[in-house]
Amino acid sequence: MWQLAKSFHVNWLDAAERLLRKRDHYTQKAIRAEFDTNPFKGAIEFDAQKHRFVTPVSDKRFVVVWKLGKNEQENIEVQAVVPSQLISNDPEEIREQVSELVKLETKGALNL
């Protein structure tokens, strides 16, 4: 089980920012506030080798796709935000579902 470091920094990549801006202002703020407060709440690790996770937010209507850094201060790199209701807890199924959603939302511009 992952635990939140005392100090961490959430870095939203440009691709994630663009996907977030597709949502209305209220939803953008709600997603950011919920995720930035505790990225590990409900998080599912779907790629243990690369330390990649999804965290459901906004009543599980969206997932934040992110990667955990390996340094002392846990830096969190948000890669994408996509609409989803995760149906499975199986990491391989989640990886496939998230990959397809990200491709769809970015019109193929971002591959995870």
PDB file of N, CA and C in Angstrom:
ATOM      1  N   MET A   1       0.842  -1.198   0.000  1.00  0.00           N
ATOM      2  CA  MET A   1       0.000   0.000   0.000  1.00  0.00           C
ATOM      3  C   MET A   1       0.876   1.245   0.000  1.00  0.00           C
ATOM      4  N   TRP A   2       0.593   2.144  -0.894  1.00  0.00           N
ATOM      5  CA  TRP A   2       1.338   3.395  -0.980  1.00  0.00           C
ATOM      6  C   TRP A   2       0.868   4.346   0.095  1.00  0.00           C
ATOM      7  N   GLN A   3       1.796   5.125   0.617  1.00  0.00           N
ATOM      8  CA  GLN A   3       1.447   6.150   1.586  1.00  0.00           C
ATOM      9  C   GLN A   3       1.938   7.480   1.069  1.00  0.00           C
ATOM     10  N   LEU A   4       1.202   8.502   1.404  1.00  0.00           N
ATOM     11  CA  LEU A   4       1.532   9.841   0.959  1.00  0.00           C
ATOM     12  C   LEU A   4       2.717  10.380   1.746  1.00  0.00           C
ATOM     13  N   ALA A   5       3.705  10.905   1.056  1.00  0.00           N
ATOM     14  CA  ALA A   5       4.842  11.518   1.722  1.00  0.00           C
ATOM     15  C   ALA A   5       4.379  12.798   2.405  1.00  0.00           C
ATOM     16  N   LYS A   6       5.149  13.229   3.393  1.00  0.00           N
ATOM     17  CA  LYS A   6       4.806  14.476   4.077  1.00  0.00           C
ATOM     18  C   LYS A   6       4.777  15.629   3.089  1.00  0.00           C
ATOM     19  N   SER A   7       5.692  15.577   2.151  1.00  0.00           N
ATOM     20  CA  SER A   7       5.793  16.647   1.172  1.00  0.00           C
ATOM     21  C   SER A   7       5.740  16.039  -0.230  1.00  0.00           C
ATOM     22  N   PHE A   8       4.843  16.542  -1.031  1.00  0.00           N
ATOM     23  CA  PHE A   8       4.772  16.063  -2.405  1.00  0.00           C
ATOM     24  C   PHE A   8       4.335  17.215  -3.292  1.00  0.00           C
ATOM     25  N   HIS A   9       4.635  17.072  -4.555  1.00  0.00           N
ATOM     26  CA  HIS A   9       4.282  18.103  -5.526  1.00  0.00           C
ATOM     27  C   HIS A   9       3.521  17.441  -6.670  1.00  0.00           C
ATOM     28  N   VAL A  10       2.383  18.016  -7.026  1.00  0.00           N
ATOM     29  CA  VAL A  10       1.605  17.508  -8.153  1.00  0.00           C
ATOM     30  C   VAL A  10       1.905  18.379  -9.365  1.00  0.00           C
ATOM     31  N   ASN A  11       2.420  17.748 -10.409  1.00  0.00           N
ATOM     32  CA  ASN A  11       2.752  18.445 -11.648  1.00  0.00           C
ATOM     33  C   ASN A  11       1.785  17.990 -12.737  1.00  0.00           C
ATOM     34  N   TRP A  12       0.960  18.914 -13.221  1.00  0.00           N
ATOM     35  CA  TRP A  12      -0.001  18.605 -14.280  1.00  0.00           C
ATOM     36  C   TRP A  12       0.678  18.869 -15.623  1.00  0.00           C
ATOM     37  N   LEU A  13       0.918  17.808 -16.399  1.00  0.00           N
ATOM     38  CA  LEU A  13       1.528  17.954 -17.717  1.00  0.00           C
ATOM     39  C   LEU A  13       0.572  18.685 -18.661  1.00  0.00           C
ATOM     40  N   ASP A  14       1.126  19.268 -19.719  1.00  0.00           N
ATOM     41  CA  ASP A  14       0.313  20.032 -20.672  1.00  0.00           C
ATOM     42  C   ASP A  14      -0.841  19.204 -21.237  1.00  0.00           C
ATOM     43  N   ALA A  15      -0.569  17.946 -21.566  1.00  0.00           N
ATOM     44  CA  ALA A  15      -1.622  17.084 -22.121  1.00  0.00           C
ATOM     45  C   ALA A  15      -2.772  16.925 -21.128  1.00  0.00           C
ATOM     46  N   ALA A  16      -2.447  16.767 -19.856  1.00  0.00           N
ATOM     47  CA  ALA A  16      -3.480  16.631 -18.821  1.00  0.00           C
ATOM     48  C   ALA A  16      -4.257  17.937 -18.673  1.00  0.00           C
ATOM     49  N   GLU A  17      -3.552  19.054 -18.738  1.00  0.00           N
ATOM     50  CA  GLU A  17      -4.207  20.368 -18.648  1.00  0.00           C
ATOM     51  C   GLU A  17      -5.193  20.553 -19.804  1.00  0.00           C
ATOM     52  N   ARG A  18      -4.778  20.173 -21.009  1.00  0.00           N
ATOM     53  CA  ARG A  18      -5.667  20.306 -22.174  1.00  0.00           C
ATOM     54  C   ARG A  18      -6.921  19.451 -22.008  1.00  0.00           C
ATOM     55  N   LEU A  19      -6.741  18.224 -21.534  1.00  0.00           N
ATOM     56  CA  LEU A  19      -7.896  17.348 -21.316  1.00  0.00           C
ATOM     57  C   LEU A  19      -8.804  17.899 -20.223  1.00  0.00           C
ATOM     58  N   LEU A  20      -8.219  18.463 -19.197  1.00  0.00           N
ATOM     59  CA  LEU A  20      -9.007  19.035 -18.102  1.00  0.00           C
ATOM     60  C   LEU A  20      -9.823  20.233 -18.591  1.00  0.00           C
ATOM     61  N   ARG A  21      -9.233  21.042 -19.479  1.00  0.00           N
ATOM     62  CA  ARG A  21      -9.932  22.233 -19.990  1.00  0.00           C
ATOM     63  C   ARG A  21     -11.135  21.891 -20.862  1.00  0.00           C
ATOM     64  N   LYS A  22     -11.274  20.635 -21.262  1.00  0.00           N
ATOM     65  CA  LYS A  22     -12.460  20.218 -22.019  1.00  0.00           C
ATOM     66  C   LYS A  22     -13.709  20.204 -21.137  1.00  0.00           C
ATOM     67  N   ARG A  23     -13.506  20.221 -19.847  1.00  0.00           N
ATOM     68  CA  ARG A  23     -14.617  20.162 -18.886  1.00  0.00           C
ATOM     69  C   ARG A  23     -15.032  21.573 -18.489  1.00  0.00           C
ATOM     70  N   ASP A  24     -16.244  21.690 -17.955  1.00  0.00           N
ATOM     71  CA  ASP A  24     -16.687  23.007 -17.507  1.00  0.00           C
ATOM     72  C   ASP A  24     -15.850  23.455 -16.306  1.00  0.00           C
ATOM     73  N   HIS A  25     -15.894  24.758 -16.027  1.00  0.00           N
ATOM     74  CA  HIS A  25     -15.053  25.358 -14.991  1.00  0.00           C
ATOM     75  C   HIS A  25     -15.262  24.697 -13.627  1.00  0.00           C
ATOM     76  N   TYR A  26     -16.496  24.454 -13.258  1.00  0.00           N
ATOM     77  CA  TYR A  26     -16.791  23.845 -11.961  1.00  0.00           C
ATOM     78  C   TYR A  26     -16.165  22.451 -11.869  1.00  0.00           C
ATOM     79  N   THR A  27     -16.304  21.654 -12.911  1.00  0.00           N
ATOM     80  CA  THR A  27     -15.754  20.297 -12.915  1.00  0.00           C
ATOM     81  C   THR A  27     -14.231  20.337 -12.869  1.00  0.00           C
ATOM     82  N   GLN A  28     -13.618  21.264 -13.607  1.00  0.00           N
ATOM     83  CA  GLN A  28     -12.161  21.413 -13.569  1.00  0.00           C
ATOM     84  C   GLN A  28     -11.676  21.651 -12.143  1.00  0.00           C
ATOM     85  N   LYS A  29     -12.311  22.614 -11.480  1.00  0.00           N
ATOM     86  CA  LYS A  29     -11.910  22.955 -10.111  1.00  0.00           C
ATOM     87  C   LYS A  29     -12.124  21.785  -9.161  1.00  0.00           C
ATOM     88  N   ALA A  30     -13.243  21.088  -9.305  1.00  0.00           N
ATOM     89  CA  ALA A  30     -13.556  19.962  -8.421  1.00  0.00           C
ATOM     90  C   ALA A  30     -12.546  18.823  -8.604  1.00  0.00           C
ATOM     91  N   ILE A  31     -12.213  18.515  -9.849  1.00  0.00           N
ATOM     92  CA  ILE A  31     -11.250  17.442 -10.120  1.00  0.00           C
ATOM     93  C   ILE A  31      -9.893  17.788  -9.525  1.00  0.00           C
ATOM     94  N   ARG A  32      -9.424  19.002  -9.792  1.00  0.00           N
ATOM     95  CA  ARG A  32      -8.119  19.431  -9.269  1.00  0.00           C
ATOM     96  C   ARG A  32      -8.085  19.405  -7.743  1.00  0.00           C
ATOM     97  N   ALA A  33      -9.102  19.979  -7.124  1.00  0.00           N
ATOM     98  CA  ALA A  33      -9.134  20.058  -5.660  1.00  0.00           C
ATOM     99  C   ALA A  33      -9.142  18.665  -5.039  1.00  0.00           C
ATOM    100  N   GLU A  34      -9.971  17.786  -5.568  1.00  0.00           N
ATOM    101  CA  GLU A  34     -10.071  16.434  -5.018  1.00  0.00           C
ATOM    102  C   GLU A  34      -8.761  15.665  -5.202  1.00  0.00           C
ATOM    103  N   PHE A  35      -8.181  15.742  -6.391  1.00  0.00           N
ATOM    104  CA  PHE A  35      -6.954  14.992  -6.652  1.00  0.00           C
ATOM    105  C   PHE A  35      -5.762  15.584  -5.906  1.00  0.00           C
ATOM    106  N   ASP A  36      -5.589  16.897  -5.976  1.00  0.00           N
ATOM    107  CA  ASP A  36      -4.421  17.525  -5.362  1.00  0.00           C
ATOM    108  C   ASP A  36      -4.390  17.342  -3.846  1.00  0.00           C
ATOM    109  N   THR A  37      -5.566  17.209  -3.229  1.00  0.00           N
ATOM    110  CA  THR A  37      -5.640  17.023  -1.783  1.00  0.00           C
ATOM    111  C   THR A  37      -5.109  15.654  -1.368  1.00  0.00           C
ATOM    112  N   ASN A  38      -5.507  14.605  -2.083  1.00  0.00           N
ATOM    113  CA  ASN A  38      -5.041  13.258  -1.754  1.00  0.00           C
ATOM    114  C   ASN A  38      -5.080  12.366  -2.994  1.00  0.00           C
ATOM    115  N   PRO A  39      -3.998  12.365  -3.772  1.00  0.00           N
ATOM    116  CA  PRO A  39      -3.962  11.581  -5.004  1.00  0.00           C
ATOM    117  C   PRO A  39      -4.104  10.074  -4.787  1.00  0.00           C
ATOM    118  N   PHE A  40      -3.797   9.602  -3.588  1.00  0.00           N
ATOM    119  CA  PHE A  40      -3.846   8.165  -3.314  1.00  0.00           C
ATOM    120  C   PHE A  40      -5.227   7.672  -2.908  1.00  0.00           C
ATOM    121  N   LYS A  41      -6.165   8.577  -2.684  1.00  0.00           N
ATOM    122  CA  LYS A  41      -7.498   8.157  -2.244  1.00  0.00           C
ATOM    123  C   LYS A  41      -8.190   7.384  -3.373  1.00  0.00           C
ATOM    124  N   GLY A  42      -8.358   6.094  -3.165  1.00  0.00           N
ATOM    125  CA  GLY A  42      -8.999   5.244  -4.164  1.00  0.00           C
ATOM    126  C   GLY A  42      -8.113   4.885  -5.339  1.00  0.00           C
ATOM    127  N   ALA A  43      -6.826   5.251  -5.274  1.00  0.00           N
ATOM    128  CA  ALA A  43      -5.913   5.009  -6.394  1.00  0.00           C
ATOM    129  C   ALA A  43      -5.698   3.519  -6.625  1.00  0.00           C
ATOM    130  N   ILE A  44      -5.564   3.176  -7.889  1.00  0.00           N
ATOM    131  CA  ILE A  44      -5.278   1.799  -8.288  1.00  0.00           C
ATOM    132  C   ILE A  44      -3.996   1.828  -9.118  1.00  0.00           C
ATOM    133  N   GLU A  45      -3.006   1.071  -8.683  1.00  0.00           N
ATOM    134  CA  GLU A  45      -1.766   0.986  -9.450  1.00  0.00           C
ATOM    135  C   GLU A  45      -1.982  -0.007 -10.590  1.00  0.00           C
ATOM    136  N   PHE A  46      -1.824   0.469 -11.820  1.00  0.00           N
ATOM    137  CA  PHE A  46      -2.047  -0.414 -12.961  1.00  0.00           C
ATOM    138  C   PHE A  46      -0.765  -0.748 -13.707  1.00  0.00           C
ATOM    139  N   ASP A  47       0.346  -0.161 -13.305  1.00  0.00           N
ATOM    140  CA  ASP A  47       1.641  -0.486 -13.899  1.00  0.00           C
ATOM    141  C   ASP A  47       2.703  -0.354 -12.812  1.00  0.00           C
ATOM    142  N   ALA A  48       3.000  -1.467 -12.142  1.00  0.00           N
ATOM    143  CA  ALA A  48       3.917  -1.449 -10.997  1.00  0.00           C
ATOM    144  C   ALA A  48       5.345  -1.092 -11.403  1.00  0.00           C
ATOM    145  N   GLN A  49       5.778  -1.486 -12.589  1.00  0.00           N
ATOM    146  CA  GLN A  49       7.142  -1.190 -13.027  1.00  0.00           C
ATOM    147  C   GLN A  49       7.367   0.303 -13.240  1.00  0.00           C
ATOM    148  N   LYS A  50       6.359   0.974 -13.771  1.00  0.00           N
ATOM    149  CA  LYS A  50       6.489   2.409 -14.055  1.00  0.00           C
ATOM    150  C   LYS A  50       5.805   3.275 -13.001  1.00  0.00           C
ATOM    151  N   HIS A  51       5.282   2.659 -11.950  1.00  0.00           N
ATOM    152  CA  HIS A  51       4.594   3.363 -10.860  1.00  0.00           C
ATOM    153  C   HIS A  51       3.472   4.259 -11.389  1.00  0.00           C
ATOM    154  N   ARG A  52       2.615   3.664 -12.234  1.00  0.00           N
ATOM    155  CA  ARG A  52       1.510   4.418 -12.822  1.00  0.00           C
ATOM    156  C   ARG A  52       0.204   4.017 -12.152  1.00  0.00           C
ATOM    157  N   PHE A  53      -0.629   5.035 -11.921  1.00  0.00           N
ATOM    158  CA  PHE A  53      -1.867   4.869 -11.179  1.00  0.00           C
ATOM    159  C   PHE A  53      -3.023   5.538 -11.902  1.00  0.00           C
ATOM    160  N   VAL A  54      -4.232   5.154 -11.513  1.00  0.00           N
ATOM    161  CA  VAL A  54      -5.431   5.919 -11.831  1.00  0.00           C
ATOM    162  C   VAL A  54      -6.132   6.194 -10.507  1.00  0.00           C
ATOM    163  N   THR A  55      -6.660   7.403 -10.394  1.00  0.00           N
ATOM    164  CA  THR A  55      -7.436   7.771  -9.215  1.00  0.00           C
ATOM    165  C   THR A  55      -8.800   8.253  -9.681  1.00  0.00           C
ATOM    166  N   PRO A  56      -9.863   7.577  -9.253  1.00  0.00           N
ATOM    167  CA  PRO A  56     -11.210   8.043  -9.601  1.00  0.00           C
ATOM    168  C   PRO A  56     -11.525   9.339  -8.844  1.00  0.00           C
ATOM    169  N   VAL A  57     -12.137  10.286  -9.541  1.00  0.00           N
ATOM    170  CA  VAL A  57     -12.526  11.562  -8.924  1.00  0.00           C
ATOM    171  C   VAL A  57     -13.920  11.950  -9.406  1.00  0.00           C
ATOM    172  N   SER A  58     -14.470  12.956  -8.769  1.00  0.00           N
ATOM    173  CA  SER A  58     -15.766  13.503  -9.162  1.00  0.00           C
ATOM    174  C   SER A  58     -16.835  12.410  -9.241  1.00  0.00           C
ATOM    175  N   ASP A  59     -17.034  11.758  -8.095  1.00  0.00           N
ATOM    176  CA  ASP A  59     -18.008  10.660  -7.990  1.00  0.00           C
ATOM    177  C   ASP A  59     -17.743   9.558  -9.014  1.00  0.00           C
ATOM    178  N   LYS A  60     -16.467   9.302  -9.260  1.00  0.00           N
ATOM    179  CA  LYS A  60     -16.008   8.246 -10.177  1.00  0.00           C
ATOM    180  C   LYS A  60     -16.426   8.475 -11.630  1.00  0.00           C
ATOM    181  N   ARG A  61     -16.735   9.734 -11.970  1.00  0.00           N
ATOM    182  CA  ARG A  61     -17.083  10.046 -13.361  1.00  0.00           C
ATOM    183  C   ARG A  61     -15.842  10.271 -14.216  1.00  0.00           C
ATOM    184  N   PHE A  62     -14.710  10.536 -13.563  1.00  0.00           N
ATOM    185  CA  PHE A  62     -13.442  10.771 -14.252  1.00  0.00           C
ATOM    186  C   PHE A  62     -12.343  10.004 -13.539  1.00  0.00           C
ATOM    187  N   VAL A  63     -11.261   9.728 -14.265  1.00  0.00           N
ATOM    188  CA  VAL A  63     -10.062   9.192 -13.631  1.00  0.00           C
ATOM    189  C   VAL A  63      -8.879  10.075 -14.002  1.00  0.00           C
ATOM    190  N   VAL A  64      -8.010  10.269 -13.022  1.00  0.00           N
ATOM    191  CA  VAL A  64      -6.761  10.980 -13.232  1.00  0.00           C
ATOM    192  C   VAL A  64      -5.686   9.907 -13.397  1.00  0.00           C
ATOM    193  N   VAL A  65      -4.970   9.977 -14.505  1.00  0.00           N
ATOM    194  CA  VAL A  65      -3.898   9.025 -14.805  1.00  0.00           C
ATOM    195  C   VAL A  65      -2.592   9.709 -14.434  1.00  0.00           C
ATOM    196  N   TRP A  66      -1.811   9.059 -13.565  1.00  0.00           N
ATOM    197  CA  TRP A  66      -0.602   9.715 -13.075  1.00  0.00           C
ATOM    198  C   TRP A  66       0.516   8.733 -12.785  1.00  0.00           C
ATOM    199  N   LYS A  67       1.705   9.308 -12.623  1.00  0.00           N
ATOM    200  CA  LYS A  67       2.914   8.528 -12.383  1.00  0.00           C
ATOM    201  C   LYS A  67       3.597   9.080 -11.136  1.00  0.00           C
ATOM    202  N   LEU A  68       4.082   8.183 -10.300  1.00  0.00           N
ATOM    203  CA  LEU A  68       4.768   8.572  -9.070  1.00  0.00           C
ATOM    204  C   LEU A  68       6.263   8.629  -9.321  1.00  0.00           C
ATOM    205  N   GLY A  69       6.877   9.747  -8.924  1.00  0.00           N
ATOM    206  CA  GLY A  69       8.321   9.896  -9.078  1.00  0.00           C
ATOM    207  C   GLY A  69       9.077   9.015  -8.105  1.00  0.00           C
ATOM    208  N   LYS A  70      10.380   8.896  -8.315  1.00  0.00           N
ATOM    209  CA  LYS A  70      11.193   8.003  -7.489  1.00  0.00           C
ATOM    210  C   LYS A  70      12.126   8.756  -6.545  1.00  0.00           C
ATOM    211  N   ASN A  71      11.960  10.043  -6.396  1.00  0.00           N
ATOM    212  CA  ASN A  71      12.880  10.786  -5.545  1.00  0.00           C
ATOM    213  C   ASN A  71      12.348  10.910  -4.119  1.00  0.00           C
ATOM    214  N   GLU A  72      13.154  11.516  -3.236  1.00  0.00           N
ATOM    215  CA  GLU A  72      12.774  11.671  -1.826  1.00  0.00           C
ATOM    216  C   GLU A  72      11.426  12.348  -1.684  1.00  0.00           C
ATOM    217  N   GLN A  73      11.294  13.461  -2.344  1.00  0.00           N
ATOM    218  CA  GLN A  73      10.026  14.175  -2.313  1.00  0.00           C
ATOM    219  C   GLN A  73       9.173  13.576  -3.411  1.00  0.00           C
ATOM    220  N   GLU A  74       8.105  12.935  -3.036  1.00  0.00           N
ATOM    221  CA  GLU A  74       7.293  12.238  -4.026  1.00  0.00           C
ATOM    222  C   GLU A  74       6.644  13.224  -4.986  1.00  0.00           C
ATOM    223  N   ASN A  75       7.158  13.276  -6.185  1.00  0.00           N
ATOM    224  CA  ASN A  75       6.555  14.111  -7.209  1.00  0.00           C
ATOM    225  C   ASN A  75       5.557  13.284  -7.998  1.00  0.00           C
ATOM    226  N   ILE A  76       4.402  13.852  -8.196  1.00  0.00           N
ATOM    227  CA  ILE A  76       3.332  13.181  -8.907  1.00  0.00           C
ATOM    228  C   ILE A  76       3.142  13.895 -10.233  1.00  0.00           C
ATOM    229  N   GLU A  77       3.229  13.134 -11.310  1.00  0.00           N
ATOM    230  CA  GLU A  77       3.111  13.686 -12.655  1.00  0.00           C
ATOM    231  C   GLU A  77       1.772  13.248 -13.241  1.00  0.00           C
ATOM    232  N   VAL A  78       0.856  14.195 -13.377  1.00  0.00           N
ATOM    233  CA  VAL A  78      -0.460  13.885 -13.937  1.00  0.00           C
ATOM    234  C   VAL A  78      -0.336  13.877 -15.453  1.00  0.00           C
ATOM    235  N   GLN A  79      -0.715  12.744 -16.053  1.00  0.00           N
ATOM    236  CA  GLN A  79      -0.564  12.569 -17.489  1.00  0.00           C
ATOM    237  C   GLN A  79      -1.852  12.781 -18.267  1.00  0.00           C
ATOM    238  N   ALA A  80      -2.996  12.488 -17.641  1.00  0.00           N
ATOM    239  CA  ALA A  80      -4.274  12.615 -18.349  1.00  0.00           C
ATOM    240  C   ALA A  80      -5.432  12.632 -17.359  1.00  0.00           C
ATOM    241  N   VAL A  81      -6.548  13.190 -17.820  1.00  0.00           N
ATOM    242  CA  VAL A  81      -7.819  13.145 -17.090  1.00  0.00           C
ATOM    243  C   VAL A  81      -8.865  12.747 -18.122  1.00  0.00           C
ATOM    244  N   VAL A  82      -9.523  11.620 -17.867  1.00  0.00           N
ATOM    245  CA  VAL A  82     -10.499  11.123 -18.836  1.00  0.00           C
ATOM    246  C   VAL A  82     -11.785  10.706 -18.135  1.00  0.00           C
ATOM    247  N   PRO A  83     -12.916  10.835 -18.849  1.00  0.00           N
ATOM    248  CA  PRO A  83     -14.178  10.367 -18.270  1.00  0.00           C
ATOM    249  C   PRO A  83     -14.161   8.843 -18.212  1.00  0.00           C
ATOM    250  N   SER A  84     -14.633   8.311 -17.109  1.00  0.00           N
ATOM    251  CA  SER A  84     -14.618   6.857 -16.988  1.00  0.00           C
ATOM    252  C   SER A  84     -15.359   6.405 -15.751  1.00  0.00           C
ATOM    253  N   GLN A  85     -15.849   5.208 -15.836  1.00  0.00           N
ATOM    254  CA  GLN A  85     -16.326   4.501 -14.660  1.00  0.00           C
ATOM    255  C   GLN A  85     -15.608   3.171 -14.717  1.00  0.00           C
ATOM    256  N   LEU A  86     -14.570   3.040 -13.928  1.00  0.00           N
ATOM    257  CA  LEU A  86     -13.776   1.813 -13.963  1.00  0.00           C
ATOM    258  C   LEU A  86     -14.634   0.625 -13.572  1.00  0.00           C
ATOM    259  N   ILE A  87     -14.576  -0.389 -14.393  1.00  0.00           N
ATOM    260  CA  ILE A  87     -15.408  -1.558 -14.163  1.00  0.00           C
ATOM    261  C   ILE A  87     -14.609  -2.665 -13.480  1.00  0.00           C
ATOM    262  N   SER A  88     -13.305  -2.597 -13.570  1.00  0.00           N
ATOM    263  CA  SER A  88     -12.470  -3.692 -13.104  1.00  0.00           C
ATOM    264  C   SER A  88     -11.421  -3.200 -12.119  1.00  0.00           C
ATOM    265  N   ASN A  89     -10.953  -4.091 -11.272  1.00  0.00           N
ATOM    266  CA  ASN A  89      -9.809  -3.801 -10.412  1.00  0.00           C
ATOM    267  C   ASN A  89      -8.559  -4.504 -10.925  1.00  0.00           C
ATOM    268  N   ASP A  90      -8.682  -5.199 -12.051  1.00  0.00           N
ATOM    269  CA  ASP A  90      -7.557  -5.905 -12.642  1.00  0.00           C
ATOM    270  C   ASP A  90      -6.640  -4.901 -13.347  1.00  0.00           C
ATOM    271  N   PRO A  91      -5.363  -4.822 -12.930  1.00  0.00           N
ATOM    272  CA  PRO A  91      -4.446  -3.839 -13.514  1.00  0.00           C
ATOM    273  C   PRO A  91      -4.343  -3.904 -15.039  1.00  0.00           C
ATOM    274  N   GLU A  92      -4.315  -5.098 -15.609  1.00  0.00           N
ATOM    275  CA  GLU A  92      -4.192  -5.218 -17.068  1.00  0.00           C
ATOM    276  C   GLU A  92      -5.430  -4.667 -17.778  1.00  0.00           C
ATOM    277  N   GLU A  93      -6.604  -4.975 -17.259  1.00  0.00           N
ATOM    278  CA  GLU A  93      -7.840  -4.451 -17.848  1.00  0.00           C
ATOM    279  C   GLU A  93      -7.905  -2.937 -17.707  1.00  0.00           C
ATOM    280  N   ILE A  94      -7.476  -2.416 -16.559  1.00  0.00           N
ATOM    281  CA  ILE A  94      -7.467  -0.962 -16.354  1.00  0.00           C
ATOM    282  C   ILE A  94      -6.502  -0.314 -17.335  1.00  0.00           C
ATOM    283  N   ARG A  95      -5.318  -0.896 -17.497  1.00  0.00           N
ATOM    284  CA  ARG A  95      -4.326  -0.343 -18.428  1.00  0.00           C
ATOM    285  C   ARG A  95      -4.919  -0.242 -19.834  1.00  0.00           C
ATOM    286  N   GLU A  96      -5.588  -1.307 -20.278  1.00  0.00           N
ATOM    287  CA  GLU A  96      -6.197  -1.308 -21.610  1.00  0.00           C
ATOM    288  C   GLU A  96      -7.312  -0.276 -21.717  1.00  0.00           C
ATOM    289  N   GLN A  97      -8.174  -0.220 -20.711  1.00  0.00           N
ATOM    290  CA  GLN A  97      -9.292   0.721 -20.733  1.00  0.00           C
ATOM    291  C   GLN A  97      -8.792   2.161 -20.737  1.00  0.00           C
ATOM    292  N   VAL A  98      -7.843   2.463 -19.868  1.00  0.00           N
ATOM    293  CA  VAL A  98      -7.312   3.823 -19.776  1.00  0.00           C
ATOM    294  C   VAL A  98      -6.591   4.199 -21.066  1.00  0.00           C
ATOM    295  N   SER A  99      -5.819   3.283 -21.607  1.00  0.00           N
ATOM    296  CA  SER A  99      -5.108   3.544 -22.857  1.00  0.00           C
ATOM    297  C   SER A  99      -6.079   3.907 -23.977  1.00  0.00           C
ATOM    298  N   GLU A 100      -7.153   3.150 -24.095  1.00  0.00           N
ATOM    299  CA  GLU A 100      -8.153   3.427 -25.129  1.00  0.00           C
ATOM    300  C   GLU A 100      -8.860   4.761 -24.889  1.00  0.00           C
ATOM    301  N   LEU A 101      -9.206   5.046 -23.644  1.00  0.00           N
ATOM    302  CA  LEU A 101      -9.874   6.316 -23.329  1.00  0.00           C
ATOM    303  C   LEU A 101      -8.981   7.509 -23.646  1.00  0.00           C
ATOM    304  N   VAL A 102      -7.701   7.405 -23.299  1.00  0.00           N
ATOM    305  CA  VAL A 102      -6.771   8.507 -23.558  1.00  0.00           C
ATOM    306  C   VAL A 102      -6.603   8.705 -25.062  1.00  0.00           C
ATOM    307  N   LYS A 103      -6.461   7.622 -25.810  1.00  0.00           N
ATOM    308  CA  LYS A 103      -6.355   7.735 -27.275  1.00  0.00           C
ATOM    309  C   LYS A 103      -7.592   8.408 -27.854  1.00  0.00           C
ATOM    310  N   LEU A 104      -8.752   7.998 -27.380  1.00  0.00           N
ATOM    311  CA  LEU A 104     -10.015   8.560 -27.856  1.00  0.00           C
ATOM    312  C   LEU A 104     -10.115  10.047 -27.520  1.00  0.00           C
ATOM    313  N   GLU A 105      -9.839  10.401 -26.272  1.00  0.00           N
ATOM    314  CA  GLU A 105      -9.961  11.794 -25.829  1.00  0.00           C
ATOM    315  C   GLU A 105      -8.957  12.721 -26.500  1.00  0.00           C
ATOM    316  N   THR A 106      -7.772  12.202 -26.824  1.00  0.00           N
ATOM    317  CA  THR A 106      -6.735  13.042 -27.432  1.00  0.00           C
ATOM    318  C   THR A 106      -6.650  12.856 -28.941  1.00  0.00           C
ATOM    319  N   LYS A 107      -7.609  12.111 -29.500  1.00  0.00           N
ATOM    320  CA  LYS A 107      -7.619  11.820 -30.936  1.00  0.00           C
ATOM    321  C   LYS A 107      -6.286  11.214 -31.387  1.00  0.00           C
ATOM    322  N   GLY A 108      -5.750  10.336 -30.532  1.00  0.00           N
ATOM    323  CA  GLY A 108      -4.523   9.620 -30.852  1.00  0.00           C
ATOM    324  C   GLY A 108      -3.233  10.372 -30.588  1.00  0.00           C
ATOM    325  N   ALA A 109      -3.315  11.604 -30.087  1.00  0.00           N
ATOM    326  CA  ALA A 109      -2.114  12.409 -29.866  1.00  0.00           C
ATOM    327  C   ALA A 109      -1.292  11.935 -28.667  1.00  0.00           C
ATOM    328  N   LEU A 110      -1.930  11.257 -27.716  1.00  0.00           N
ATOM    329  CA  LEU A 110      -1.224  10.800 -26.520  1.00  0.00           C
ATOM    330  C   LEU A 110      -1.419   9.306 -26.350  1.00  0.00           C
ATOM    331  N   ASN A 111      -0.315   8.592 -26.274  1.00  0.00           N
ATOM    332  CA  ASN A 111      -0.337   7.148 -26.028  1.00  0.00           C
ATOM    333  C   ASN A 111       0.262   6.881 -24.661  1.00  0.00           C
ATOM    334  N   LEU A 112      -0.448   6.124 -23.851  1.00  0.00           N
ATOM    335  CA  LEU A 112       0.091   5.756 -22.538  1.00  0.00           C
ATOM    336  C   LEU A 112       0.497   4.306 -22.532  1.00  0.00           C
TER     337      LEU A 112
END
